[in-house]
N, C-alpha and C. Protein backbone atom coordinates (compact mmCIF):
# COMPACT_ATOMS: atom_id res chain seq x y z
N MET A 1 -64.61 40.38 -23.41
CA MET A 1 -65.27 41.24 -22.46
C MET A 1 -65.77 42.47 -23.21
N THR A 2 -66.98 42.84 -22.94
CA THR A 2 -67.56 43.99 -23.62
C THR A 2 -66.95 45.27 -23.07
N ARG A 3 -67.22 46.30 -23.77
CA ARG A 3 -66.72 47.61 -23.37
C ARG A 3 -67.25 48.00 -21.99
N TYR A 4 -68.55 47.75 -21.77
CA TYR A 4 -69.16 48.10 -20.48
C TYR A 4 -68.66 47.16 -19.37
N GLY A 5 -68.40 45.93 -19.74
CA GLY A 5 -67.87 44.98 -18.75
C GLY A 5 -66.49 45.40 -18.29
N LEU A 6 -65.66 45.83 -19.24
CA LEU A 6 -64.31 46.30 -18.90
C LEU A 6 -64.39 47.56 -18.05
N LEU A 7 -65.26 48.48 -18.41
CA LEU A 7 -65.44 49.71 -17.65
C LEU A 7 -65.92 49.40 -16.23
N SER A 8 -66.83 48.47 -16.10
CA SER A 8 -67.34 48.07 -14.78
C SER A 8 -66.22 47.47 -13.94
N PHE A 9 -65.39 46.65 -14.58
CA PHE A 9 -64.27 46.02 -13.88
C PHE A 9 -63.29 47.07 -13.36
N ILE A 10 -62.97 48.05 -14.18
CA ILE A 10 -62.05 49.12 -13.78
C ILE A 10 -62.64 49.95 -12.65
N VAL A 11 -63.92 50.25 -12.71
CA VAL A 11 -64.58 51.01 -11.64
C VAL A 11 -64.53 50.22 -10.33
N LEU A 12 -64.77 48.91 -10.40
CA LEU A 12 -64.70 48.08 -9.20
C LEU A 12 -63.29 48.05 -8.61
N LEU A 13 -62.29 48.00 -9.47
CA LEU A 13 -60.91 48.02 -8.99
C LEU A 13 -60.59 49.33 -8.28
N ILE A 14 -61.11 50.42 -8.80
CA ILE A 14 -60.87 51.73 -8.19
C ILE A 14 -61.61 51.86 -6.86
N LEU A 15 -62.84 51.39 -6.82
CA LEU A 15 -63.65 51.53 -5.61
C LEU A 15 -63.24 50.53 -4.51
N PHE A 16 -62.80 49.36 -4.90
CA PHE A 16 -62.45 48.32 -3.93
C PHE A 16 -61.05 47.76 -4.23
N PRO A 17 -60.04 48.58 -3.98
CA PRO A 17 -58.69 48.11 -4.29
C PRO A 17 -58.28 46.95 -3.37
N ALA A 18 -57.49 46.06 -3.91
CA ALA A 18 -56.97 44.96 -3.10
C ALA A 18 -55.95 45.53 -2.12
N ARG A 19 -55.99 45.06 -0.93
CA ARG A 19 -55.06 45.55 0.09
C ARG A 19 -53.87 44.61 0.16
N ALA A 20 -52.70 45.21 0.05
CA ALA A 20 -51.48 44.43 0.17
C ALA A 20 -51.20 44.20 1.65
N GLN A 21 -50.76 43.02 1.97
CA GLN A 21 -50.47 42.71 3.35
C GLN A 21 -48.99 42.39 3.46
N SER A 22 -48.33 43.09 4.35
CA SER A 22 -46.90 42.85 4.51
C SER A 22 -46.67 41.67 5.44
N ALA A 23 -45.51 41.09 5.32
CA ALA A 23 -45.14 39.96 6.18
C ALA A 23 -44.79 40.47 7.57
N THR A 24 -45.10 39.68 8.55
CA THR A 24 -44.75 40.03 9.93
C THR A 24 -43.28 39.70 10.15
N PRO A 25 -42.64 40.30 11.16
CA PRO A 25 -41.25 39.95 11.46
C PRO A 25 -41.07 38.44 11.70
N GLU A 26 -42.04 37.81 12.34
CA GLU A 26 -41.95 36.37 12.59
C GLU A 26 -42.00 35.58 11.29
N GLN A 27 -42.83 35.99 10.36
CA GLN A 27 -42.89 35.31 9.06
C GLN A 27 -41.57 35.46 8.31
N VAL A 28 -40.97 36.63 8.42
CA VAL A 28 -39.67 36.85 7.77
C VAL A 28 -38.62 35.94 8.40
N ARG A 29 -38.58 35.87 9.74
CA ARG A 29 -37.63 34.99 10.43
C ARG A 29 -37.83 33.53 10.02
N GLN A 30 -39.08 33.10 9.95
CA GLN A 30 -39.36 31.71 9.58
C GLN A 30 -38.89 31.42 8.14
N THR A 31 -39.12 32.35 7.25
CA THR A 31 -38.73 32.16 5.86
C THR A 31 -37.22 32.11 5.72
N ILE A 32 -36.53 32.98 6.42
CA ILE A 32 -35.06 32.96 6.39
C ILE A 32 -34.56 31.64 6.98
N GLY A 33 -35.18 31.18 8.05
CA GLY A 33 -34.80 29.90 8.65
C GLY A 33 -34.99 28.74 7.67
N LYS A 34 -36.07 28.74 6.93
CA LYS A 34 -36.32 27.70 5.93
C LYS A 34 -35.27 27.75 4.82
N ALA A 35 -34.92 28.96 4.40
CA ALA A 35 -33.92 29.11 3.34
C ALA A 35 -32.56 28.61 3.82
N LYS A 36 -32.19 28.93 5.06
CA LYS A 36 -30.92 28.43 5.59
C LYS A 36 -30.93 26.90 5.68
N GLY A 37 -32.04 26.35 6.13
CA GLY A 37 -32.16 24.90 6.21
C GLY A 37 -32.01 24.25 4.85
N TYR A 38 -32.61 24.86 3.84
CA TYR A 38 -32.51 24.33 2.48
C TYR A 38 -31.05 24.33 2.01
N LEU A 39 -30.34 25.43 2.26
CA LEU A 39 -28.94 25.50 1.82
C LEU A 39 -28.10 24.45 2.54
N TYR A 40 -28.27 24.30 3.83
CA TYR A 40 -27.51 23.30 4.56
C TYR A 40 -27.85 21.88 4.09
N GLU A 41 -29.09 21.67 3.73
CA GLU A 41 -29.53 20.36 3.23
C GLU A 41 -28.83 20.02 1.92
N LYS A 42 -28.56 21.02 1.10
CA LYS A 42 -27.93 20.80 -0.20
C LYS A 42 -26.40 20.79 -0.14
N GLN A 43 -25.83 21.11 1.01
CA GLN A 43 -24.38 21.14 1.15
C GLN A 43 -23.81 19.73 1.06
N SER A 44 -22.74 19.58 0.30
CA SER A 44 -22.07 18.29 0.16
C SER A 44 -21.29 17.96 1.43
N PRO A 45 -20.99 16.70 1.65
CA PRO A 45 -20.21 16.31 2.83
C PRO A 45 -18.84 16.99 2.90
N ASP A 46 -18.29 17.36 1.73
CA ASP A 46 -16.99 18.04 1.74
C ASP A 46 -17.10 19.52 2.10
N GLY A 47 -18.32 19.99 2.37
CA GLY A 47 -18.51 21.38 2.80
C GLY A 47 -18.81 22.35 1.68
N THR A 48 -18.92 21.86 0.46
CA THR A 48 -19.16 22.74 -0.68
C THR A 48 -20.57 22.57 -1.22
N TRP A 49 -20.87 23.42 -2.16
CA TRP A 49 -22.13 23.31 -2.90
C TRP A 49 -21.84 23.08 -4.38
N GLU A 50 -20.61 22.76 -4.72
CA GLU A 50 -20.20 22.61 -6.12
C GLU A 50 -20.85 21.41 -6.79
N GLN A 51 -20.89 20.27 -6.16
CA GLN A 51 -21.47 19.09 -6.79
C GLN A 51 -22.98 19.21 -6.93
N GLU A 52 -23.60 19.91 -6.02
CA GLU A 52 -25.06 20.03 -6.04
C GLU A 52 -25.53 20.76 -7.30
N TRP A 53 -24.88 21.85 -7.63
CA TRP A 53 -25.35 22.66 -8.75
C TRP A 53 -24.42 22.57 -9.96
N GLY A 54 -23.35 21.85 -9.84
CA GLY A 54 -22.44 21.67 -10.97
C GLY A 54 -21.43 22.80 -11.09
N ILE A 55 -20.41 22.54 -11.85
CA ILE A 55 -19.37 23.53 -12.08
C ILE A 55 -19.55 24.05 -13.49
N HIS A 56 -19.62 25.33 -13.63
CA HIS A 56 -19.89 25.95 -14.91
C HIS A 56 -18.63 26.66 -15.42
N GLY A 57 -17.92 26.01 -16.30
CA GLY A 57 -16.72 26.61 -16.87
C GLY A 57 -15.69 26.91 -15.80
N GLU A 58 -15.21 28.13 -15.81
CA GLU A 58 -14.18 28.54 -14.86
C GLU A 58 -14.77 29.14 -13.59
N GLN A 59 -16.01 28.90 -13.34
CA GLN A 59 -16.68 29.51 -12.19
C GLN A 59 -16.60 28.64 -10.93
N LYS A 60 -15.64 27.75 -10.87
CA LYS A 60 -15.50 26.87 -9.71
C LYS A 60 -15.37 27.73 -8.45
N THR A 61 -16.04 27.35 -7.44
CA THR A 61 -16.17 27.99 -6.12
C THR A 61 -17.29 29.02 -6.09
N GLY A 62 -17.83 29.38 -7.23
CA GLY A 62 -18.87 30.40 -7.28
C GLY A 62 -20.13 29.99 -6.53
N GLN A 63 -20.57 28.74 -6.71
CA GLN A 63 -21.78 28.28 -6.03
C GLN A 63 -21.57 28.22 -4.52
N THR A 64 -20.41 27.75 -4.11
CA THR A 64 -20.11 27.67 -2.68
C THR A 64 -20.02 29.07 -2.10
N ALA A 65 -19.35 29.97 -2.79
CA ALA A 65 -19.22 31.34 -2.29
C ALA A 65 -20.59 32.01 -2.16
N LEU A 66 -21.46 31.76 -3.14
CA LEU A 66 -22.79 32.37 -3.08
C LEU A 66 -23.59 31.83 -1.89
N ALA A 67 -23.51 30.53 -1.65
CA ALA A 67 -24.22 29.94 -0.51
C ALA A 67 -23.66 30.47 0.81
N VAL A 68 -22.33 30.56 0.91
CA VAL A 68 -21.71 31.09 2.14
C VAL A 68 -22.11 32.55 2.34
N TYR A 69 -22.09 33.33 1.28
CA TYR A 69 -22.48 34.74 1.39
C TYR A 69 -23.93 34.86 1.86
N ALA A 70 -24.81 34.04 1.32
CA ALA A 70 -26.22 34.08 1.72
C ALA A 70 -26.36 33.71 3.20
N LEU A 71 -25.66 32.69 3.63
CA LEU A 71 -25.77 32.25 5.03
C LEU A 71 -25.19 33.29 5.99
N LEU A 72 -24.04 33.87 5.63
CA LEU A 72 -23.47 34.91 6.48
C LEU A 72 -24.39 36.13 6.53
N SER A 73 -24.97 36.48 5.40
CA SER A 73 -25.91 37.62 5.36
C SER A 73 -27.15 37.35 6.19
N ALA A 74 -27.50 36.08 6.34
CA ALA A 74 -28.68 35.70 7.11
C ALA A 74 -28.36 35.55 8.61
N GLY A 75 -27.12 35.88 8.98
CA GLY A 75 -26.78 35.88 10.40
C GLY A 75 -26.05 34.66 10.91
N GLU A 76 -25.69 33.74 10.03
CA GLU A 76 -24.96 32.56 10.47
C GLU A 76 -23.53 32.94 10.86
N SER A 77 -22.95 32.19 11.77
CA SER A 77 -21.60 32.46 12.26
C SER A 77 -20.56 31.89 11.31
N ARG A 78 -19.52 32.66 11.06
CA ARG A 78 -18.41 32.18 10.24
C ARG A 78 -17.69 31.04 10.92
N GLN A 79 -17.91 30.89 12.23
CA GLN A 79 -17.24 29.83 12.99
C GLN A 79 -18.04 28.53 12.99
N ASP A 80 -19.25 28.55 12.47
CA ASP A 80 -20.03 27.31 12.34
C ASP A 80 -19.21 26.36 11.49
N GLU A 81 -19.09 25.12 11.93
CA GLU A 81 -18.25 24.14 11.25
C GLU A 81 -18.61 24.00 9.77
N ARG A 82 -19.88 24.03 9.46
CA ARG A 82 -20.32 23.87 8.07
C ARG A 82 -19.85 25.02 7.20
N ILE A 83 -19.90 26.22 7.75
CA ILE A 83 -19.47 27.40 6.99
C ILE A 83 -17.95 27.49 6.95
N ALA A 84 -17.30 27.19 8.07
CA ALA A 84 -15.83 27.24 8.13
C ALA A 84 -15.22 26.29 7.11
N LYS A 85 -15.83 25.12 6.94
CA LYS A 85 -15.37 24.14 5.96
C LYS A 85 -15.47 24.70 4.54
N ALA A 86 -16.57 25.37 4.26
CA ALA A 86 -16.78 25.96 2.93
C ALA A 86 -15.82 27.12 2.69
N ILE A 87 -15.60 27.94 3.71
CA ILE A 87 -14.66 29.07 3.57
C ILE A 87 -13.26 28.54 3.29
N ASP A 88 -12.89 27.47 3.98
CA ASP A 88 -11.58 26.87 3.76
C ASP A 88 -11.45 26.40 2.30
N PHE A 89 -12.51 25.79 1.76
CA PHE A 89 -12.50 25.37 0.36
C PHE A 89 -12.30 26.56 -0.57
N ILE A 90 -13.03 27.64 -0.29
CA ILE A 90 -12.92 28.84 -1.13
C ILE A 90 -11.51 29.41 -1.09
N LYS A 91 -10.92 29.43 0.10
CA LYS A 91 -9.56 29.97 0.25
C LYS A 91 -8.53 29.16 -0.52
N LYS A 92 -8.68 27.84 -0.53
CA LYS A 92 -7.66 26.96 -1.09
C LYS A 92 -7.84 26.65 -2.57
N THR A 93 -8.98 26.99 -3.14
CA THR A 93 -9.26 26.61 -4.52
C THR A 93 -9.07 27.79 -5.46
N GLU A 94 -8.26 27.56 -6.47
CA GLU A 94 -7.99 28.61 -7.45
C GLU A 94 -9.23 28.85 -8.31
N THR A 95 -9.52 30.11 -8.55
CA THR A 95 -10.65 30.48 -9.39
C THR A 95 -10.24 31.61 -10.32
N THR A 96 -10.65 31.50 -11.57
CA THR A 96 -10.35 32.56 -12.53
C THR A 96 -11.61 33.18 -13.10
N GLY A 97 -12.75 32.58 -12.89
CA GLY A 97 -14.00 33.11 -13.43
C GLY A 97 -14.41 34.40 -12.75
N VAL A 98 -14.83 35.37 -13.51
CA VAL A 98 -15.19 36.68 -12.98
C VAL A 98 -16.35 36.58 -11.99
N TYR A 99 -17.37 35.81 -12.31
CA TYR A 99 -18.52 35.66 -11.41
C TYR A 99 -18.07 35.09 -10.07
N ALA A 100 -17.34 33.98 -10.12
CA ALA A 100 -16.89 33.33 -8.88
C ALA A 100 -16.00 34.25 -8.07
N LEU A 101 -15.09 34.95 -8.73
CA LEU A 101 -14.21 35.88 -8.02
C LEU A 101 -15.01 37.01 -7.36
N GLY A 102 -16.01 37.51 -8.07
CA GLY A 102 -16.84 38.58 -7.52
C GLY A 102 -17.61 38.14 -6.28
N VAL A 103 -18.18 36.95 -6.33
CA VAL A 103 -18.93 36.46 -5.18
C VAL A 103 -17.99 36.16 -4.02
N ARG A 104 -16.82 35.64 -4.33
CA ARG A 104 -15.83 35.40 -3.28
C ARG A 104 -15.46 36.70 -2.58
N CYS A 105 -15.32 37.77 -3.34
CA CYS A 105 -15.01 39.08 -2.74
C CYS A 105 -16.10 39.50 -1.75
N GLN A 106 -17.35 39.19 -2.06
CA GLN A 106 -18.44 39.51 -1.15
C GLN A 106 -18.29 38.73 0.16
N VAL A 107 -17.85 37.48 0.05
CA VAL A 107 -17.62 36.68 1.26
C VAL A 107 -16.50 37.30 2.09
N TRP A 108 -15.40 37.67 1.43
CA TRP A 108 -14.26 38.23 2.17
C TRP A 108 -14.66 39.50 2.92
N LEU A 109 -15.56 40.28 2.35
CA LEU A 109 -16.01 41.50 3.03
C LEU A 109 -16.77 41.20 4.33
N MET A 110 -17.30 40.01 4.45
CA MET A 110 -18.07 39.66 5.64
C MET A 110 -17.22 39.00 6.72
N LEU A 111 -15.96 38.78 6.42
CA LEU A 111 -15.06 38.13 7.38
C LEU A 111 -14.13 39.17 8.00
N PRO A 112 -13.73 38.93 9.26
CA PRO A 112 -12.81 39.89 9.90
C PRO A 112 -11.42 39.81 9.30
């Protein structure tokens, strides 16, 4: 691009800036709904997300805790059978990995 071409481009950007468009509340709700659906679709029959994404070292329960935290943050009920099953797994499974323990703590903060 020539010097004048670049200068012309910059002038056009200044004179006609692109307008950012924010998402509507309905678009946000729809996107959150799609994300929740995706997580439930990936949940194993045993109520965990461990087999779907694999177990990484000592981080067992980390994937399940992260999915539960995301779902609870998105407004899902802790009493939903799918989530209750996962919470039960997290409670009963020993974890020593720092990441998994940290995410589990986030889940515990969302429970009464």
